[in-house]
Every structure is written in C-alpha cells, then in structure tokens.
Amino acid sequence: MTHGIKKNEPDAKNVYADIIYLPHWRSSDRTPMTAYDRAAQFSPFAALTGYDEMICEEAREVGDMVELGESEMELLNAKLNLIADVLEDGYHPLLRFTYFISDKLKNGGSYVNITERVRRIDTIERKIQLYKTVGISQRYMELDMNKIRDISGELVDSI
C-alpha cells in the first residue's frame, strides 16, 4: 500500500477513489473563461496607482518671482505711462509681456511671455486688460501689474 506525503497519511488515490475519475464539472449557464481571462484574475494589481505621477510632480521644478530693482521699476512705470497715453488716443498697441504665473500645486511658478493687444489699463486695481479672452465666459485676460517683469514691443522699445 502506498502512503501519502508523510508516512502516517493514507494514499490520496484511496481516499478520493469515489470522485477521482469523475468528469470535470462545467456550468451550463456560463461559457468557460479563456486562459487569458483566468490569468488576469491572478495578475498583480497596481497597489501604487498614482505613485509615478506623484514622483514626477515632486521632481518638477518651479521658480520664484524675481523682485525688481528700483531702476527696473522706474523703467516699467515709464512704459506703463506711455501705454496709458496711447490708449487715451484710441491706439491699442501690440505688446509682449513677461509675466509671472503662480503654480497651482507648489509654491512658486514660472515666467511666461504673452503677446497681445492692450485693451485698457486699470490703475486703481493695478491690472492691464488684454484683448485675449479666457474661460467659458470669454472674459478679457487681465495681468496683475505686480507680476509683470518686462514689457517689450514697437511702442516701448525706445524707452
């Protein structure tokens, strides 16, 4: 008589002799799974979903807004005064603004260049309104004067 794995265990063929040669059961209601679908059940799941994106976000660098010196502020104010003068005459100059945009996820941000026609200047709110429209409401884009680093264009390059 053969034994099981250990000496004191009975032989598995004798224990299961009544069912060992029965046909494999199959459901009459469902089609059998493909080998691919069965393997997919046991494939490892992504326990760290979003981890790669988090690492990339952490590695992304943002810059700080540069504080302008006194001479740079005077030059920028002279350019803004010239723009305000020509706006009063009905002329809307095409200018290039170097502007700081704050990052939505981290402290800091980056400088971008925006080239657009100036619509108006609000000296009380300290905003420059451009003809570019943004958002669903299609409102005019506004630049905060405190975040402008430089203004260039045909009108102001002579200053």
N, C-alpha and C. Protein backbone atom coordinates (compact mmCIF):
# COMPACT_ATOMS: atom_id res chain seq x y z
N MET A 1 0.84 -1.16 0.00
CA MET A 1 0.00 0.00 0.00
C MET A 1 0.89 1.24 0.00
N THR A 2 0.54 2.23 -0.84
CA THR A 2 1.33 3.47 -0.91
C THR A 2 0.83 4.42 0.16
N HIS A 3 1.68 5.32 0.49
CA HIS A 3 1.37 6.29 1.52
C HIS A 3 1.27 7.69 0.93
N GLY A 4 0.77 8.60 1.73
CA GLY A 4 0.70 10.00 1.32
C GLY A 4 2.07 10.65 1.43
N ILE A 5 2.08 11.92 1.62
CA ILE A 5 3.34 12.65 1.70
C ILE A 5 4.12 12.23 2.94
N LYS A 6 3.41 12.14 4.05
CA LYS A 6 4.06 11.68 5.27
C LYS A 6 3.73 10.20 5.47
N LYS A 7 4.49 9.54 6.27
CA LYS A 7 4.31 8.10 6.44
C LYS A 7 2.97 7.74 7.08
N ASN A 8 2.45 8.59 7.96
CA ASN A 8 1.22 8.23 8.63
C ASN A 8 -0.03 8.66 7.87
N GLU A 9 0.11 9.27 6.67
CA GLU A 9 -1.05 9.68 5.88
C GLU A 9 -1.47 8.56 4.94
N PRO A 10 -2.79 8.43 4.72
CA PRO A 10 -3.23 7.43 3.76
C PRO A 10 -2.99 7.89 2.34
N ASP A 11 -3.02 6.97 1.39
CA ASP A 11 -2.81 7.30 -0.03
C ASP A 11 -4.00 8.11 -0.54
N ALA A 12 -3.74 9.20 -1.26
CA ALA A 12 -4.79 10.09 -1.77
C ALA A 12 -5.68 9.37 -2.77
N LYS A 13 -5.14 8.43 -3.57
CA LYS A 13 -5.95 7.70 -4.55
C LYS A 13 -7.01 6.84 -3.87
N ASN A 14 -6.70 6.32 -2.70
CA ASN A 14 -7.67 5.53 -1.96
C ASN A 14 -8.72 6.41 -1.30
N VAL A 15 -8.30 7.56 -0.75
CA VAL A 15 -9.22 8.44 -0.05
C VAL A 15 -10.23 9.03 -1.03
N TYR A 16 -9.80 9.42 -2.20
CA TYR A 16 -10.66 10.08 -3.18
C TYR A 16 -11.04 9.17 -4.35
N ALA A 17 -11.01 7.90 -4.15
CA ALA A 17 -11.27 6.94 -5.22
C ALA A 17 -12.67 7.09 -5.80
N ASP A 18 -13.65 7.54 -5.00
CA ASP A 18 -15.01 7.66 -5.50
C ASP A 18 -15.21 8.86 -6.42
N ILE A 19 -14.33 9.85 -6.38
CA ILE A 19 -14.53 11.06 -7.22
C ILE A 19 -13.38 11.33 -8.18
N ILE A 20 -12.31 10.59 -8.07
CA ILE A 20 -11.11 10.95 -8.84
C ILE A 20 -11.30 10.81 -10.35
N TYR A 21 -12.15 9.93 -10.81
CA TYR A 21 -12.33 9.74 -12.25
C TYR A 21 -13.63 10.34 -12.78
N LEU A 22 -14.29 11.17 -11.97
CA LEU A 22 -15.50 11.86 -12.46
C LEU A 22 -15.11 12.94 -13.46
N PRO A 23 -15.98 13.24 -14.43
CA PRO A 23 -15.64 14.31 -15.39
C PRO A 23 -15.63 15.67 -14.70
N HIS A 24 -14.84 16.59 -15.25
CA HIS A 24 -14.74 17.95 -14.71
C HIS A 24 -16.08 18.65 -14.87
N TRP A 25 -16.54 19.28 -13.79
CA TRP A 25 -17.84 19.96 -13.82
C TRP A 25 -17.76 21.25 -14.64
N ARG A 26 -18.76 21.49 -15.47
CA ARG A 26 -18.85 22.74 -16.24
C ARG A 26 -20.26 23.28 -16.09
N SER A 27 -20.35 24.61 -15.95
CA SER A 27 -21.64 25.27 -15.81
C SER A 27 -22.39 25.23 -17.14
N SER A 28 -23.68 24.99 -17.06
CA SER A 28 -24.50 25.00 -18.28
C SER A 28 -24.96 26.42 -18.61
N ASP A 29 -24.86 27.34 -17.64
CA ASP A 29 -25.32 28.72 -17.84
C ASP A 29 -24.23 29.64 -18.38
N ARG A 30 -22.99 29.35 -18.11
CA ARG A 30 -21.90 30.26 -18.47
C ARG A 30 -20.88 29.57 -19.35
N THR A 31 -20.31 30.37 -20.24
CA THR A 31 -19.23 29.83 -21.08
C THR A 31 -17.95 29.82 -20.26
N PRO A 32 -17.09 28.86 -20.49
CA PRO A 32 -15.85 28.80 -19.71
C PRO A 32 -14.94 30.00 -20.03
N MET A 33 -14.17 30.42 -19.05
CA MET A 33 -13.24 31.53 -19.22
C MET A 33 -12.09 31.12 -20.12
N THR A 34 -11.59 32.12 -20.85
CA THR A 34 -10.39 31.85 -21.64
C THR A 34 -9.21 31.81 -20.69
N ALA A 35 -8.12 31.23 -21.16
CA ALA A 35 -6.92 31.16 -20.34
C ALA A 35 -6.42 32.57 -19.99
N TYR A 36 -6.57 33.50 -20.94
CA TYR A 36 -6.14 34.89 -20.71
C TYR A 36 -6.94 35.53 -19.58
N ASP A 37 -8.27 35.34 -19.59
CA ASP A 37 -9.12 35.92 -18.55
C ASP A 37 -8.84 35.29 -17.18
N ARG A 38 -8.59 33.99 -17.16
CA ARG A 38 -8.26 33.34 -15.89
C ARG A 38 -6.94 33.86 -15.34
N ALA A 39 -5.97 34.06 -16.23
CA ALA A 39 -4.66 34.58 -15.79
C ALA A 39 -4.80 36.01 -15.28
N ALA A 40 -5.70 36.81 -15.89
CA ALA A 40 -5.88 38.19 -15.48
C ALA A 40 -6.40 38.30 -14.05
N GLN A 41 -7.14 37.30 -13.60
CA GLN A 41 -7.65 37.31 -12.22
C GLN A 41 -6.52 37.27 -11.21
N PHE A 42 -5.43 36.63 -11.58
CA PHE A 42 -4.34 36.43 -10.64
C PHE A 42 -3.16 37.35 -10.91
N SER A 43 -3.27 38.23 -11.91
CA SER A 43 -2.17 39.16 -12.18
C SER A 43 -2.08 40.18 -11.05
N PRO A 44 -0.91 40.70 -10.81
CA PRO A 44 -0.78 41.66 -9.69
C PRO A 44 -1.54 42.95 -9.98
N PHE A 45 -2.16 43.48 -8.97
CA PHE A 45 -2.87 44.74 -9.14
C PHE A 45 -1.90 45.89 -8.84
N ALA A 46 -2.25 47.07 -9.32
CA ALA A 46 -1.38 48.24 -9.16
C ALA A 46 -1.63 48.87 -7.78
N ALA A 47 -0.92 48.40 -6.79
CA ALA A 47 -1.11 48.91 -5.44
C ALA A 47 -0.64 50.34 -5.30
N LEU A 48 0.29 50.74 -6.14
CA LEU A 48 0.85 52.08 -6.07
C LEU A 48 0.35 52.95 -7.22
N THR A 49 -0.93 52.89 -7.50
CA THR A 49 -1.50 53.71 -8.55
C THR A 49 -1.28 55.18 -8.23
N GLY A 50 -0.76 55.90 -9.18
CA GLY A 50 -0.50 57.32 -8.99
C GLY A 50 0.86 57.64 -8.41
N TYR A 51 1.61 56.62 -8.04
CA TYR A 51 2.92 56.85 -7.43
C TYR A 51 3.88 57.50 -8.41
N ASP A 52 3.89 57.02 -9.66
CA ASP A 52 4.78 57.61 -10.67
C ASP A 52 4.45 59.07 -10.91
N GLU A 53 3.15 59.40 -10.98
CA GLU A 53 2.75 60.79 -11.18
C GLU A 53 3.17 61.65 -9.99
N MET A 54 3.07 61.08 -8.79
CA MET A 54 3.46 61.82 -7.60
C MET A 54 4.97 62.10 -7.60
N ILE A 55 5.76 61.14 -8.02
CA ILE A 55 7.21 61.31 -8.09
C ILE A 55 7.56 62.37 -9.13
N CYS A 56 6.90 62.33 -10.29
CA CYS A 56 7.15 63.33 -11.34
C CYS A 56 6.77 64.72 -10.86
N GLU A 57 5.67 64.83 -10.15
CA GLU A 57 5.23 66.13 -9.64
C GLU A 57 6.22 66.66 -8.61
N GLU A 58 6.72 65.78 -7.77
CA GLU A 58 7.69 66.21 -6.76
C GLU A 58 9.00 66.66 -7.41
N ALA A 59 9.38 66.02 -8.51
CA ALA A 59 10.63 66.37 -9.19
C ALA A 59 10.50 67.63 -10.04
N ARG A 60 9.27 68.01 -10.38
CA ARG A 60 9.06 69.20 -11.22
C ARG A 60 9.51 70.44 -10.47
N GLU A 61 10.32 71.25 -11.15
CA GLU A 61 10.85 72.45 -10.50
C GLU A 61 10.02 73.66 -10.85
N VAL A 62 9.86 74.53 -9.88
CA VAL A 62 9.19 75.82 -10.09
C VAL A 62 10.15 76.90 -9.63
N GLY A 63 9.98 78.09 -10.23
CA GLY A 63 10.87 79.20 -9.87
C GLY A 63 10.17 80.18 -8.95
N ASP A 64 10.94 81.12 -8.47
CA ASP A 64 10.42 82.18 -7.62
C ASP A 64 10.25 83.45 -8.43
N MET A 65 9.35 84.30 -7.99
CA MET A 65 9.15 85.58 -8.64
C MET A 65 10.31 86.50 -8.28
N VAL A 66 10.89 87.12 -9.29
CA VAL A 66 12.04 87.99 -9.10
C VAL A 66 11.55 89.37 -8.67
N GLU A 67 12.13 89.88 -7.60
CA GLU A 67 11.83 91.24 -7.15
C GLU A 67 12.61 92.21 -8.03
N LEU A 68 11.90 93.18 -8.62
CA LEU A 68 12.55 94.15 -9.49
C LEU A 68 13.29 95.20 -8.66
N GLY A 69 14.42 95.65 -9.19
CA GLY A 69 15.18 96.72 -8.56
C GLY A 69 14.49 98.06 -8.82
N GLU A 70 15.01 99.09 -8.18
CA GLU A 70 14.40 100.41 -8.30
C GLU A 70 14.46 100.94 -9.73
N SER A 71 15.59 100.76 -10.42
CA SER A 71 15.71 101.25 -11.79
C SER A 71 14.81 100.47 -12.74
N GLU A 72 14.65 99.17 -12.49
CA GLU A 72 13.76 98.35 -13.32
C GLU A 72 12.30 98.77 -13.12
N MET A 73 11.95 99.11 -11.89
CA MET A 73 10.59 99.57 -11.59
C MET A 73 10.31 100.90 -12.28
N GLU A 74 11.28 101.82 -12.27
CA GLU A 74 11.11 103.10 -12.93
C GLU A 74 10.92 102.93 -14.43
N LEU A 75 11.71 102.03 -15.03
CA LEU A 75 11.59 101.76 -16.46
C LEU A 75 10.22 101.16 -16.79
N LEU A 76 9.78 100.22 -15.98
CA LEU A 76 8.47 99.60 -16.19
C LEU A 76 7.35 100.62 -16.03
N ASN A 77 7.44 101.50 -15.05
CA ASN A 77 6.43 102.54 -14.85
C ASN A 77 6.41 103.52 -16.03
N ALA A 78 7.58 103.85 -16.58
CA ALA A 78 7.63 104.74 -17.75
C ALA A 78 6.94 104.09 -18.94
N LYS A 79 7.14 102.78 -19.11
CA LYS A 79 6.48 102.05 -20.20
C LYS A 79 4.97 102.03 -19.99
N LEU A 80 4.54 101.80 -18.76
CA LEU A 80 3.10 101.77 -18.46
C LEU A 80 2.46 103.14 -18.69
N ASN A 81 3.16 104.21 -18.34
CA ASN A 81 2.63 105.56 -18.58
C ASN A 81 2.49 105.85 -20.07
N LEU A 82 3.47 105.42 -20.86
CA LEU A 82 3.40 105.59 -22.32
C LEU A 82 2.22 104.81 -22.90
N ILE A 83 2.02 103.59 -22.42
CA ILE A 83 0.90 102.75 -22.89
C ILE A 83 -0.42 103.42 -22.53
N ALA A 84 -0.53 103.97 -21.31
CA ALA A 84 -1.75 104.65 -20.89
C ALA A 84 -2.03 105.87 -21.77
N ASP A 85 -0.97 106.61 -22.15
CA ASP A 85 -1.14 107.79 -23.01
C ASP A 85 -1.68 107.42 -24.38
N VAL A 86 -1.14 106.36 -24.99
CA VAL A 86 -1.61 105.99 -26.33
C VAL A 86 -3.00 105.35 -26.28
N LEU A 87 -3.35 104.72 -25.16
CA LEU A 87 -4.70 104.17 -25.02
C LEU A 87 -5.74 105.29 -25.00
N GLU A 88 -5.38 106.42 -24.38
CA GLU A 88 -6.30 107.57 -24.36
C GLU A 88 -6.53 108.12 -25.76
N ASP A 89 -5.53 107.98 -26.64
CA ASP A 89 -5.66 108.44 -28.02
C ASP A 89 -6.39 107.43 -28.91
N GLY A 90 -6.80 106.29 -28.33
CA GLY A 90 -7.56 105.30 -29.09
C GLY A 90 -6.70 104.24 -29.77
N TYR A 91 -5.42 104.25 -29.52
CA TYR A 91 -4.49 103.27 -30.11
C TYR A 91 -4.31 102.12 -29.12
N HIS A 92 -4.40 100.88 -29.60
CA HIS A 92 -4.26 99.68 -28.76
C HIS A 92 -3.01 98.92 -29.22
N PRO A 93 -1.88 99.18 -28.56
CA PRO A 93 -0.61 98.61 -29.03
C PRO A 93 -0.51 97.10 -28.80
N LEU A 94 0.21 96.46 -29.72
CA LEU A 94 0.54 95.04 -29.59
C LEU A 94 1.86 94.96 -28.82
N LEU A 95 1.83 94.33 -27.65
CA LEU A 95 3.00 94.28 -26.78
C LEU A 95 3.27 92.86 -26.31
N ARG A 96 4.51 92.66 -25.89
CA ARG A 96 4.92 91.36 -25.35
C ARG A 96 5.22 91.56 -23.87
N PHE A 97 4.49 90.81 -23.03
CA PHE A 97 4.64 90.90 -21.57
C PHE A 97 5.36 89.66 -21.07
N THR A 98 6.36 89.85 -20.22
CA THR A 98 6.97 88.75 -19.48
C THR A 98 6.30 88.79 -18.11
N TYR A 99 5.56 87.71 -17.81
CA TYR A 99 4.60 87.72 -16.71
C TYR A 99 4.78 86.47 -15.86
N PHE A 100 4.70 86.63 -14.54
CA PHE A 100 4.84 85.51 -13.61
C PHE A 100 3.48 84.86 -13.37
N ILE A 101 3.42 83.56 -13.58
CA ILE A 101 2.19 82.81 -13.29
C ILE A 101 2.47 81.86 -12.13
N SER A 102 1.68 81.97 -11.09
CA SER A 102 1.84 81.11 -9.91
C SER A 102 1.45 79.68 -10.24
N ASP A 103 2.17 78.73 -9.65
CA ASP A 103 1.88 77.32 -9.84
C ASP A 103 0.69 76.94 -8.97
N LYS A 104 -0.18 76.09 -9.49
CA LYS A 104 -1.38 75.70 -8.76
C LYS A 104 -1.11 74.67 -7.66
N LEU A 105 -0.01 73.92 -7.79
CA LEU A 105 0.25 72.84 -6.85
C LEU A 105 1.41 73.11 -5.89
N LYS A 106 2.33 73.99 -6.27
CA LYS A 106 3.51 74.23 -5.45
C LYS A 106 3.68 75.72 -5.21
N ASN A 107 4.51 76.05 -4.23
CA ASN A 107 4.89 77.45 -4.02
C ASN A 107 5.85 77.84 -5.13
N GLY A 108 5.60 78.99 -5.72
CA GLY A 108 6.44 79.45 -6.82
C GLY A 108 5.64 79.46 -8.11
N GLY A 109 6.33 79.40 -9.21
CA GLY A 109 5.68 79.42 -10.51
C GLY A 109 6.70 79.57 -11.61
N SER A 110 6.30 80.20 -12.71
CA SER A 110 7.22 80.38 -13.84
C SER A 110 6.85 81.64 -14.61
N TYR A 111 7.81 82.14 -15.35
CA TYR A 111 7.59 83.30 -16.20
C TYR A 111 7.17 82.83 -17.58
N VAL A 112 6.18 83.49 -18.14
CA VAL A 112 5.70 83.21 -19.48
C VAL A 112 5.69 84.50 -20.28
N ASN A 113 5.72 84.37 -21.58
CA ASN A 113 5.62 85.53 -22.46
C ASN A 113 4.26 85.52 -23.13
N ILE A 114 3.58 86.65 -23.07
CA ILE A 114 2.27 86.80 -23.67
C ILE A 114 2.34 87.99 -24.63
N THR A 115 1.99 87.76 -25.89
CA THR A 115 1.95 88.83 -26.87
C THR A 115 0.50 89.07 -27.25
N GLU A 116 0.01 90.27 -26.96
CA GLU A 116 -1.40 90.58 -27.20
C GLU A 116 -1.59 92.09 -27.22
N ARG A 117 -2.69 92.51 -27.82
CA ARG A 117 -3.06 93.93 -27.83
C ARG A 117 -3.63 94.32 -26.47
N VAL A 118 -3.26 95.52 -26.02
CA VAL A 118 -3.74 96.04 -24.74
C VAL A 118 -5.12 96.67 -24.96
N ARG A 119 -6.06 96.29 -24.14
CA ARG A 119 -7.42 96.84 -24.23
C ARG A 119 -7.57 98.08 -23.36
N ARG A 120 -7.14 97.95 -22.09
CA ARG A 120 -7.20 99.10 -21.18
C ARG A 120 -6.30 98.84 -19.98
N ILE A 121 -6.01 99.91 -19.24
CA ILE A 121 -5.22 99.82 -18.01
C ILE A 121 -6.07 100.34 -16.86
N ASP A 122 -6.16 99.54 -15.80
CA ASP A 122 -6.88 99.92 -14.60
C ASP A 122 -5.84 100.25 -13.53
N THR A 123 -5.62 101.56 -13.31
CA THR A 123 -4.57 101.98 -12.37
C THR A 123 -4.99 101.77 -10.92
N ILE A 124 -6.27 101.75 -10.64
CA ILE A 124 -6.74 101.55 -9.26
C ILE A 124 -6.55 100.09 -8.85
N GLU A 125 -7.02 99.17 -9.69
CA GLU A 125 -6.88 97.72 -9.41
C GLU A 125 -5.48 97.22 -9.77
N ARG A 126 -4.68 98.05 -10.46
CA ARG A 126 -3.34 97.71 -10.95
C ARG A 126 -3.37 96.47 -11.84
N LYS A 127 -4.23 96.56 -12.87
CA LYS A 127 -4.37 95.46 -13.84
C LYS A 127 -4.30 96.01 -15.25
N ILE A 128 -3.76 95.20 -16.15
CA ILE A 128 -3.74 95.50 -17.57
C ILE A 128 -4.68 94.51 -18.24
N GLN A 129 -5.67 95.00 -18.95
CA GLN A 129 -6.63 94.14 -19.62
C GLN A 129 -6.22 93.99 -21.08
N LEU A 130 -6.15 92.74 -21.53
CA LEU A 130 -5.76 92.43 -22.91
C LEU A 130 -6.99 92.03 -23.72
N TYR A 131 -6.84 92.03 -25.05
CA TYR A 131 -7.95 91.62 -25.90
C TYR A 131 -8.14 90.11 -25.94
N LYS A 132 -7.21 89.36 -25.41
CA LYS A 132 -7.32 87.90 -25.38
C LYS A 132 -8.43 87.51 -24.41
N THR A 133 -9.32 86.60 -24.83
CA THR A 133 -10.40 86.14 -23.96
C THR A 133 -10.03 84.77 -23.39
N VAL A 134 -10.49 84.53 -22.17
CA VAL A 134 -10.18 83.27 -21.49
C VAL A 134 -11.43 82.71 -20.83
N GLY A 135 -11.43 81.41 -20.61
CA GLY A 135 -12.51 80.75 -19.88
C GLY A 135 -13.79 80.60 -20.69
N ILE A 136 -14.74 79.95 -20.08
CA ILE A 136 -16.04 79.71 -20.71
C ILE A 136 -16.79 81.02 -20.89
N SER A 137 -16.61 81.93 -19.95
CA SER A 137 -17.33 83.21 -20.02
C SER A 137 -16.74 84.15 -21.06
N GLN A 138 -15.58 83.78 -21.62
CA GLN A 138 -14.91 84.59 -22.64
C GLN A 138 -14.63 86.01 -22.15
N ARG A 139 -14.22 86.14 -20.88
CA ARG A 139 -13.87 87.45 -20.35
C ARG A 139 -12.45 87.79 -20.78
N TYR A 140 -12.15 89.09 -20.77
CA TYR A 140 -10.83 89.54 -21.19
C TYR A 140 -9.77 89.16 -20.15
N MET A 141 -8.61 88.76 -20.65
CA MET A 141 -7.50 88.37 -19.77
C MET A 141 -6.94 89.62 -19.10
N GLU A 142 -6.64 89.49 -17.81
CA GLU A 142 -6.07 90.59 -17.05
C GLU A 142 -4.74 90.16 -16.45
N LEU A 143 -3.76 91.07 -16.54
CA LEU A 143 -2.45 90.83 -15.95
C LEU A 143 -2.30 91.75 -14.74
N ASP A 144 -1.85 91.17 -13.65
CA ASP A 144 -1.57 91.94 -12.44
C ASP A 144 -0.24 92.68 -12.66
N MET A 145 -0.25 94.00 -12.51
CA MET A 145 0.96 94.79 -12.76
C MET A 145 2.12 94.39 -11.85
N ASN A 146 1.82 93.89 -10.67
CA ASN A 146 2.88 93.49 -9.73
C ASN A 146 3.63 92.24 -10.19
N LYS A 147 3.06 91.50 -11.14
CA LYS A 147 3.69 90.26 -11.60
C LYS A 147 4.37 90.42 -12.96
N ILE A 148 4.35 91.63 -13.51
CA ILE A 148 4.98 91.87 -14.81
C ILE A 148 6.47 92.14 -14.58
N ARG A 149 7.30 91.42 -15.31
CA ARG A 149 8.74 91.62 -15.20
C ARG A 149 9.26 92.54 -16.30
N ASP A 150 8.67 92.44 -17.50
CA ASP A 150 9.14 93.25 -18.61
C ASP A 150 8.01 93.44 -19.62
N ILE A 151 8.07 94.57 -20.33
CA ILE A 151 7.16 94.86 -21.44
C ILE A 151 8.02 95.25 -22.62
N SER A 152 7.77 94.61 -23.76
CA SER A 152 8.51 94.97 -24.97
C SER A 152 7.54 95.07 -26.13
N GLY A 153 7.97 95.76 -27.15
CA GLY A 153 7.15 95.96 -28.33
C GLY A 153 7.58 97.23 -29.04
N GLU A 154 7.08 97.45 -30.23
CA GLU A 154 7.48 98.59 -31.05
C GLU A 154 7.27 99.91 -30.31
N LEU A 155 6.20 100.02 -29.55
CA LEU A 155 5.87 101.27 -28.84
C LEU A 155 6.86 101.59 -27.73
N VAL A 156 7.24 100.60 -26.94
CA VAL A 156 8.00 100.86 -25.72
C VAL A 156 9.49 100.52 -25.80
N ASP A 157 9.95 99.95 -26.91
CA ASP A 157 11.36 99.55 -27.00
C ASP A 157 12.29 100.74 -27.03
N SER A 158 11.80 101.93 -27.41
CA SER A 158 12.65 103.11 -27.47
C SER A 158 12.96 103.69 -26.09
N ILE A 159 12.23 103.29 -25.08
CA ILE A 159 12.44 103.83 -23.72
C ILE A 159 13.64 103.17 -23.09
